[in-house]
C-alpha atoms as a PDB file:
ATOM      1  CA  MET A   1      30.629  72.360  84.116  1.00  0.00           C
ATOM      2  CA  SER A   2      28.328  75.016  83.507  1.00  0.00           C
ATOM      3  CA  GLY A   3      28.340  78.257  82.810  1.00  0.00           C
ATOM      4  CA  ASN A   4      27.559  79.210  86.236  1.00  0.00           C
ATOM      5  CA  ALA A   5      30.395  77.432  88.209  1.00  0.00           C
ATOM      6  CA  VAL A   6      32.973  79.094  90.128  1.00  0.00           C
ATOM      7  CA  SER A   7      36.606  77.976  90.326  1.00  0.00           C
ATOM      8  CA  PRO A   8      37.773  76.731  93.184  1.00  0.00           C
ATOM      9  CA  GLY A   9      39.105  79.565  95.722  1.00  0.00           C
ATOM     10  CA  VAL A  10      36.855  81.996  93.682  1.00  0.00           C
ATOM     11  CA  SER A  11      33.544  83.276  95.720  1.00  0.00           C
ATOM     12  CA  LYS A  12      30.673  85.686  94.145  1.00  0.00           C
ATOM     13  CA  LEU A  13      30.301  88.708  95.552  1.00  0.00           C
ATOM     14  CA  LYS A  14      26.841  89.619  97.655  1.00  0.00           C
ATOM     15  CA  GLU A  15      25.636  92.779  96.016  1.00  0.00           C
ATOM     16  CA  GLU A  16      23.189  94.202  97.262  1.00  0.00           C
ATOM     17  CA  LEU A  17      21.683  97.978  96.291  1.00  0.00           C
ATOM     18  CA  ARG A  18      20.626 100.174  98.970  1.00  0.00           C
ATOM     19  CA  ILE A  19      18.133 103.743  98.165  1.00  0.00           C
ATOM     20  CA  VAL A  20      18.739 107.183 100.543  1.00  0.00           C
ATOM     21  CA  LYS A  21      16.239 109.841 100.193  1.00  0.00           C
ATOM     22  CA  ILE A  22      17.325 113.312 101.292  1.00  0.00           C
ATOM     23  CA  ASP A  23      13.485 114.665 102.052  1.00  0.00           C
ATOM     24  CA  GLU A  24      15.289 118.319 101.859  1.00  0.00           C
ATOM     25  CA  VAL A  25      18.846 119.886 101.253  1.00  0.00           C
ATOM     26  CA  PRO A  26      19.632 121.557 104.213  1.00  0.00           C
ATOM     27  CA  ALA A  27      20.441 124.926 103.842  1.00  0.00           C
ATOM     28  CA  ASP A  28      22.886 125.802 106.286  1.00  0.00           C
ATOM     29  CA  TYR A  29      25.517 123.661 108.214  1.00  0.00           C
ATOM     30  CA  SER A  30      22.937 123.141 111.343  1.00  0.00           C
ATOM     31  CA  GLY A  31      20.677 121.059 109.048  1.00  0.00           C
ATOM     32  CA  PHE A  32      23.472 119.326 107.103  1.00  0.00           C
ATOM     33  CA  MET A  33      24.420 118.033 110.898  1.00  0.00           C
ATOM     34  CA  ARG A  34      20.926 117.054 111.660  1.00  0.00           C
ATOM     35  CA  LEU A  35      21.373 114.972 108.432  1.00  0.00           C
ATOM     36  CA  PHE A  36      24.824 113.569 109.084  1.00  0.00           C
ATOM     37  CA  GLU A  37      23.176 112.148 112.685  1.00  0.00           C
ATOM     38  CA  GLU A  38      20.582 110.972 110.952  1.00  0.00           C
ATOM     39  CA  LEU A  39      22.384 109.124 108.354  1.00  0.00           C
ATOM     40  CA  SER A  40      26.276 108.664 109.086  1.00  0.00           C
ATOM     41  CA  GLY A  41      25.227 105.397 110.788  1.00  0.00           C
ATOM     42  CA  THR A  42      25.457 103.108 107.492  1.00  0.00           C
ATOM     43  CA  PRO A  43      28.021 103.193 104.831  1.00  0.00           C
ATOM     44  CA  GLU A  44      25.487 103.942 102.126  1.00  0.00           C
ATOM     45  CA  GLY A  45      23.857 107.573 104.413  1.00  0.00           C
ATOM     46  CA  ALA A  46      27.794 108.564 104.502  1.00  0.00           C
ATOM     47  CA  ALA A  47      28.769 107.790 100.652  1.00  0.00           C
ATOM     48  CA  VAL A  48      25.052 109.517  99.943  1.00  0.00           C
ATOM     49  CA  LEU A  49      25.906 112.619 102.496  1.00  0.00           C
ATOM     50  CA  PHE A  50      29.304 113.199 100.479  1.00  0.00           C
ATOM     51  CA  ALA A  51      27.401 113.770  97.396  1.00  0.00           C
ATOM     52  CA  LEU A  52      25.434 115.779  99.035  1.00  0.00           C
ATOM     53  CA  ALA A  53      28.551 117.645 100.049  1.00  0.00           C
ATOM     54  CA  LEU A  54      29.408 118.020  96.888  1.00  0.00           C
ATOM     55  CA  LEU A  55      26.233 119.420  96.023  1.00  0.00           C
ATOM     56  CA  LEU A  56      26.220 122.475  98.899  1.00  0.00           C
ATOM     57  CA  THR A  57      29.620 122.674  97.551  1.00  0.00           C
ATOM     58  CA  ALA A  58      28.522 123.942  94.173  1.00  0.00           C
ATOM     59  CA  LYS A  59      25.984 126.074  95.625  1.00  0.00           C
ATOM     60  CA  ASP A  60      27.736 127.850  98.458  1.00  0.00           C
ATOM     61  CA  ARG A  61      31.805 127.151  98.301  1.00  0.00           C
ATOM     62  CA  GLU A  62      32.547 127.792 102.269  1.00  0.00           C
ATOM     63  CA  LEU A  63      29.159 125.796 103.497  1.00  0.00           C
ATOM     64  CA  GLY A  64      30.317 123.128 101.307  1.00  0.00           C
ATOM     65  CA  ARG A  65      34.267 123.023 102.345  1.00  0.00           C
ATOM     66  CA  LYS A  66      32.490 122.807 106.023  1.00  0.00           C
ATOM     67  CA  CYS A  67      30.191 119.877 105.236  1.00  0.00           C
ATOM     68  CA  VAL A  68      33.612 118.226 103.330  1.00  0.00           C
ATOM     69  CA  GLU A  69      35.782 118.753 106.035  1.00  0.00           C
ATOM     70  CA  THR A  70      33.367 117.051 108.805  1.00  0.00           C
ATOM     71  CA  LEU A  71      32.650 113.807 106.858  1.00  0.00           C
ATOM     72  CA  THR A  72      35.932 112.841 105.859  1.00  0.00           C
ATOM     73  CA  LEU A  73      38.439 111.712 107.949  1.00  0.00           C
ATOM     74  CA  GLU A  74      41.483 113.549 106.554  1.00  0.00           C
ATOM     75  CA  PRO A  75      39.835 116.924 106.222  1.00  0.00           C
ATOM     76  CA  PRO A  76      41.898 118.765 102.490  1.00  0.00           C
ATOM     77  CA  GLU A  77      43.319 121.125 103.338  1.00  0.00           C
ATOM     78  CA  GLU A  78      42.341 124.883 102.105  1.00  0.00           C
ATOM     79  CA  HIS A  79      44.723 124.803  98.624  1.00  0.00           C
ATOM     80  CA  MET A  80      44.211 121.241  98.128  1.00  0.00           C
ATOM     81  CA  PHE A  81      40.305 121.289  98.883  1.00  0.00           C
ATOM     82  CA  GLU A  82      40.266 124.511  95.922  1.00  0.00           C
ATOM     83  CA  ALA A  83      42.657 122.365  93.462  1.00  0.00           C
ATOM     84  CA  GLU A  84      40.739 118.699  94.062  1.00  0.00           C
ATOM     85  CA  PHE A  85      37.138 120.317  93.864  1.00  0.00           C
ATOM     86  CA  PRO A  86      35.652 121.583  90.619  1.00  0.00           C
ATOM     87  CA  LYS A  87      33.988 125.181  90.805  1.00  0.00           C
ATOM     88  CA  GLY A  88      30.658 126.134  89.891  1.00  0.00           C
ATOM     89  CA  SER A  89      28.206 124.518  86.963  1.00  0.00           C
ATOM     90  CA  GLU A  90      31.057 121.660  86.378  1.00  0.00           C
ATOM     91  CA  LEU A  91      30.659 120.366  89.745  1.00  0.00           C
ATOM     92  CA  GLU A  92      26.824 121.131  90.208  1.00  0.00           C
ATOM     93  CA  GLU A  93      26.860 118.690  86.883  1.00  0.00           C
ATOM     94  CA  ILE A  94      29.293 116.098  89.041  1.00  0.00           C
ATOM     95  CA  ALA A  95      26.817 116.185  92.053  1.00  0.00           C
ATOM     96  CA  ARG A  96      23.489 116.100  90.383  1.00  0.00           C
ATOM     97  CA  SER A  97      24.447 112.826  88.961  1.00  0.00           C
ATOM     98  CA  TYR A  98      24.382 111.119  91.593  1.00  0.00           C
ATOM     99  CA  PHE A  99      21.066 111.738  92.645  1.00  0.00           C
ATOM    100  CA  ARG A 100      17.396 111.403  91.241  1.00  0.00           C
ATOM    101  CA  GLU A 101      15.207 114.524  92.126  1.00  0.00           C
ATOM    102  CA  LEU A 102      11.018 113.111  93.115  1.00  0.00           C
ATOM    103  CA  PRO A 103       8.535 114.822  92.402  1.00  0.00           C
ATOM    104  CA  ASP A 104       8.105 116.045  95.925  1.00  0.00           C
ATOM    105  CA  GLY A 105      11.387 117.624  95.712  1.00  0.00           C
ATOM    106  CA  ALA A 106      13.449 114.853  97.743  1.00  0.00           C
ATOM    107  CA  LEU A 107      16.667 113.393  96.266  1.00  0.00           C
ATOM    108  CA  GLU A 108      17.170 109.975  96.152  1.00  0.00           C
ATOM    109  CA  ALA A 109      20.860 107.960  95.481  1.00  0.00           C
ATOM    110  CA  ALA A 110      21.645 104.639  94.842  1.00  0.00           C
ATOM    111  CA  VAL A 111      24.434 102.800  96.483  1.00  0.00           C
ATOM    112  CA  LYS A 112      25.628  98.866  95.910  1.00  0.00           C
ATOM    113  CA  LEU A 113      27.255  97.761  99.157  1.00  0.00           C
ATOM    114  CA  THR A 114      29.434  94.493  97.937  1.00  0.00           C
ATOM    115  CA  GLY A 115      30.650  91.449 100.136  1.00  0.00           C
ATOM    116  CA  GLU A 116      34.167  92.460  99.115  1.00  0.00           C
ATOM    117  CA  LYS A 117      36.844  92.037 102.210  1.00  0.00           C
ATOM    118  CA  PRO A 118      38.562  95.448 103.101  1.00  0.00           C
ATOM    119  CA  LEU A 119      41.947  96.001 102.815  1.00  0.00           C
ATOM    120  CA  LYS A 120      42.236  97.193 106.506  1.00  0.00           C
ATOM    121  CA  ARG A 121      39.716  96.815 109.666  1.00  0.00           C
ATOM    122  CA  ARG A 122      36.959  98.910 110.139  1.00  0.00           C
ATOM    123  CA  TYR A 123      36.870 100.180 106.383  1.00  0.00           C
ATOM    124  CA  LYS A 124      34.406  99.445 103.254  1.00  0.00           C
ATOM    125  CA  THR A 125      34.232 100.549  99.781  1.00  0.00           C
ATOM    126  CA  VAL A 126      30.930 100.878  98.328  1.00  0.00           C
ATOM    127  CA  TYR A 127      29.645 102.484  94.865  1.00  0.00           C
ATOM    128  CA  ILE A 128      27.365 105.101  94.331  1.00  0.00           C
ATOM    129  CA  GLY A 129      24.882 105.282  91.324  1.00  0.00           C
ATOM    130  CA  CYS A 130      26.302 108.071  89.350  1.00  0.00           C
ATOM    131  CA  ARG A 131      23.948 108.834  85.902  1.00  0.00           C
ATOM    132  CA  GLY A 132      26.642 110.873  84.343  1.00  0.00           C
ATOM    133  CA  THR A 133      28.654 107.967  83.506  1.00  0.00           C
ATOM    134  CA  ALA A 134      25.246 105.094  83.749  1.00  0.00           C
ATOM    135  CA  GLY A 135      27.656 103.810  86.509  1.00  0.00           C
ATOM    136  CA  TYR A 136      28.867 103.082  90.032  1.00  0.00           C
ATOM    137  CA  ARG A 137      31.447 104.923  91.797  1.00  0.00           C
ATOM    138  CA  PRO A 138      33.527 104.120  94.268  1.00  0.00           C
ATOM    139  CA  VAL A 139      34.166 105.545  97.910  1.00  0.00           C
ATOM    140  CA  THR A 140      35.797 104.441 100.365  1.00  0.00           C
ATOM    141  CA  LEU A 141      34.907 104.793 104.520  1.00  0.00           C
ATOM    142  CA  VAL A 142      36.112 104.115 107.480  1.00  0.00           C
ATOM    143  CA  SER A 143      33.918 103.583 110.802  1.00  0.00           C
ATOM    144  CA  LYS A 144      34.663 105.176 113.786  1.00  0.00           C
ATOM    145  CA  PRO A 145      33.266 105.087 117.492  1.00  0.00           C
ATOM    146  CA  PRO A 146      31.022 107.152 118.664  1.00  0.00           C
ATOM    147  CA  ARG A 147      33.189 108.556 120.942  1.00  0.00           C
ATOM    148  CA  TYR A 148      35.485 109.813 117.792  1.00  0.00           C
ATOM    149  CA  PHE A 149      32.506 112.513 117.083  1.00  0.00           C
ATOM    150  CA  LYS A 150      31.799 113.244 120.451  1.00  0.00           C
ATOM    151  CA  LYS A 151      36.004 114.282 120.822  1.00  0.00           C
ATOM    152  CA  ARG A 152      35.664 115.387 117.729  1.00  0.00           C
ATOM    153  CA  TYR A 153      32.319 117.513 116.787  1.00  0.00           C
ATOM    154  CA  GLY A 154      30.654 117.198 120.658  1.00  0.00           C
ATOM    155  CA  ILE A 155      28.167 114.942 118.849  1.00  0.00           C
ATOM    156  CA  ARG A 156      26.564 113.127 121.753  1.00  0.00           C
ATOM    157  CA  GLY A 157      23.940 111.018 119.394  1.00  0.00           C
ATOM    158  CA  ASP A 158      23.105 107.732 120.478  1.00  0.00           C
ATOM    159  CA  TYR A 159      24.391 105.505 117.538  1.00  0.00           C
ATOM    160  CA  TYR A 160      23.155 102.075 116.565  1.00  0.00           C
ATOM    161  CA  ASN A 161      26.146 101.678 114.469  1.00  0.00           C
ATOM    162  CA  ASP A 162      29.295 103.380 114.636  1.00  0.00           C
ATOM    163  CA  PRO A 163      29.184 106.458 112.415  1.00  0.00           C
ATOM    164  CA  TRP A 164      31.157 106.105 108.916  1.00  0.00           C
ATOM    165  CA  LEU A 165      33.292 108.795 107.380  1.00  0.00           C
ATOM    166  CA  THR A 166      34.981 109.245 103.919  1.00  0.00           C
ATOM    167  CA  ALA A 167      38.285 107.752 103.656  1.00  0.00           C
ATOM    168  CA  GLU A 168      39.112 107.842  99.988  1.00  0.00           C
ATOM    169  CA  TYR A 169      36.858 109.776  97.194  1.00  0.00           C
ATOM    170  CA  PRO A 170      38.801 111.032  94.317  1.00  0.00           C
ATOM    171  CA  SER A 171      37.035 108.939  91.757  1.00  0.00           C
ATOM    172  CA  MET A 172      33.449 110.788  93.258  1.00  0.00           C
ATOM    173  CA  LEU A 173      35.359 114.102  91.611  1.00  0.00           C
ATOM    174  CA  LEU A 174      35.288 113.067  88.102  1.00  0.00           C
ATOM    175  CA  PRO A 175      33.938 114.661  85.373  1.00  0.00           C
ATOM    176  CA  VAL A 176      30.680 112.621  84.460  1.00  0.00           C
ATOM    177  CA  LEU A 177      30.701 112.047  80.346  1.00  0.00           C
ATOM    178  CA  HIS A 178      26.967 113.156  79.513  1.00  0.00           C
ATOM    179  CA  LYS A 179      24.426 115.727  80.972  1.00  0.00           C
ATOM    180  CA  ASN A 180      21.775 114.372  83.486  1.00  0.00           C
END
């Protein structure tokens, strides 16, 4: 048997790396919502939006909390948000580890998509690159139909794909091992 052989019943997962670029970090919630409408139609875009919400939370806790509430299927209550999300420089260090800053000030993030089957219908786990750990951290997303967004946010955007929300993100908040 060669080294590339696969045992019966075991398949290799197809992996695809996608780069998501954010030209400018939004200064307010309306700017964030413009990015939300632009990027939430793909799992990789939704994952990067969550990392961006972490960065915004480190800079402005109230703005960040509003962005996290927008992105999550079940927004954390205020006391849970305060308990789960580190404060200040620790959160900024975590959030920046998901991005590479480009010379023009734009941010790029790498997201790995795999062919793994989700446990629940309309869910997908993707892996966002984390320079602070020299690896990838999982974030689980759920696809929601556009009518959900119209009802929840009043968004009337015409989505090519159903938008995605963050369902599980605990490893996204873990400290990084080394500074970027």
